[in-house]
Amino acid sequence: MGGDEFIILLTRAEKQEALDIVARIGQKLAEKMKESRRALTMSVGLFACRDMCGSLDSMIAGADKLMYAVKSKGKNGVLFEEQ
C-alpha cells in the first residue's frame, strides 16, 4: 500500500491461522530488524469476509480502518473483525 504498509490476502484462512501467520511474519521481521539494531512495531488490521461480502477495495478499506485503530491505541497490535 505504502512505504511501510503492505497487504496479504489469505483465502480460506480461519482466524487462528491468520493470527499465527501474522505472528510468524512479525517474528521474522523482528529478527531482521534486530540484526540492523532497529526497533520494529507492527499495527495489523485483519478483516475477514465470508461469502463475498464486498469488493476487494471494501475489504482493504476494512483492514485499513482496523490498522489505523491499532495505531491510534499506541501501535504494535492486532485487531480482527469478521463480516
Protein backbone atom coordinates (compact mmCIF):
# COMPACT_ATOMS: atom_id res chain seq x y z
CA MET A 1 0.00 0.00 0.00
CA GLY A 2 2.63 2.49 1.06
CA GLY A 3 6.26 2.71 2.03
CA ASP A 4 5.75 0.85 5.29
CA GLU A 5 2.38 -0.80 4.65
CA PHE A 6 1.59 -4.00 2.82
CA ILE A 7 -1.37 -6.26 2.20
CA ILE A 8 -1.56 -10.02 2.46
CA LEU A 9 -4.66 -11.67 1.09
CA LEU A 10 -5.43 -15.01 2.69
CA THR A 11 -8.12 -17.16 1.17
CA ARG A 12 -9.92 -19.74 3.27
CA ALA A 13 -7.92 -19.00 6.42
CA GLU A 14 -9.56 -19.28 9.83
CA LYS A 15 -8.99 -16.60 12.48
CA GLN A 16 -6.35 -18.50 14.45
CA GLU A 17 -4.48 -19.43 11.28
CA ALA A 18 -4.40 -15.77 10.20
CA LEU A 19 -3.19 -14.71 13.66
CA ASP A 20 -0.46 -17.38 13.53
CA ILE A 21 0.68 -16.11 10.13
CA VAL A 22 0.84 -12.54 11.46
CA ALA A 23 2.88 -13.76 14.44
CA ARG A 24 5.35 -15.60 12.19
CA ILE A 25 5.75 -12.57 9.93
CA GLY A 26 6.33 -10.37 12.98
CA GLN A 27 8.92 -12.77 14.34
CA LYS A 28 10.84 -12.87 11.04
CA LEU A 29 10.74 -9.09 10.67
CA ALA A 30 11.88 -8.61 14.27
CA GLU A 31 14.83 -10.95 13.66
CA LYS A 32 15.88 -8.92 10.60
CA MET A 33 15.42 -5.61 12.42
CA LYS A 34 17.46 -6.87 15.39
CA GLU A 35 20.35 -7.58 13.02
CA SER A 36 20.26 -3.94 11.92
CA ARG A 37 19.70 -2.73 15.51
CA ARG A 38 16.39 -1.08 14.71
CA ALA A 39 13.12 -1.30 16.58
CA LEU A 40 10.00 -2.74 15.00
CA THR A 41 6.34 -2.21 15.70
CA MET A 42 3.50 -3.81 13.76
CA SER A 43 -0.01 -2.44 13.56
CA VAL A 44 -2.20 -5.05 11.91
CA GLY A 45 -5.79 -4.95 10.75
CA LEU A 46 -7.26 -8.36 9.96
CA PHE A 47 -10.54 -8.12 8.10
CA ALA A 48 -12.28 -11.43 7.47
CA CYS A 49 -15.02 -11.71 4.94
CA ARG A 50 -17.25 -14.73 4.41
CA ASP A 51 -19.12 -15.41 1.17
CA MET A 52 -18.13 -12.39 -0.91
CA CYS A 53 -19.13 -9.61 1.49
CA GLY A 54 -17.92 -6.89 -0.83
CA SER A 55 -15.34 -5.77 -3.31
CA LEU A 56 -11.63 -6.12 -2.81
CA ASP A 57 -11.49 -2.35 -2.26
CA SER A 58 -14.05 -2.56 0.56
CA MET A 59 -12.12 -5.41 2.21
CA ILE A 60 -8.88 -3.40 2.00
CA ALA A 61 -10.70 -0.39 3.47
CA GLY A 62 -11.93 -2.55 6.36
CA ALA A 63 -8.42 -3.81 7.14
CA ASP A 64 -7.02 -0.29 6.79
CA LYS A 65 -9.59 1.07 9.26
CA LEU A 66 -8.62 -1.61 11.78
CA MET A 67 -4.90 -0.94 11.30
CA TYR A 68 -5.36 2.78 12.00
CA ALA A 69 -7.41 1.91 15.09
CA VAL A 70 -4.41 -0.09 16.37
CA LYS A 71 -2.10 2.84 15.60
CA SER A 72 -4.37 5.24 17.48
CA LYS A 73 -4.13 3.00 20.57
CA GLY A 74 -0.34 3.14 20.67
CA LYS A 75 0.70 0.85 17.80
CA ASN A 76 2.09 -2.66 17.91
CA GLY A 77 -1.06 -4.73 17.99
CA VAL A 78 -3.67 -6.63 16.00
CA LEU A 79 -7.38 -6.01 15.58
CA PHE A 80 -9.64 -8.61 13.98
CA GLU A 81 -13.11 -8.11 12.54
CA GLU A 82 -15.28 -10.56 10.66
CA GLN A 83 -18.27 -9.81 8.46
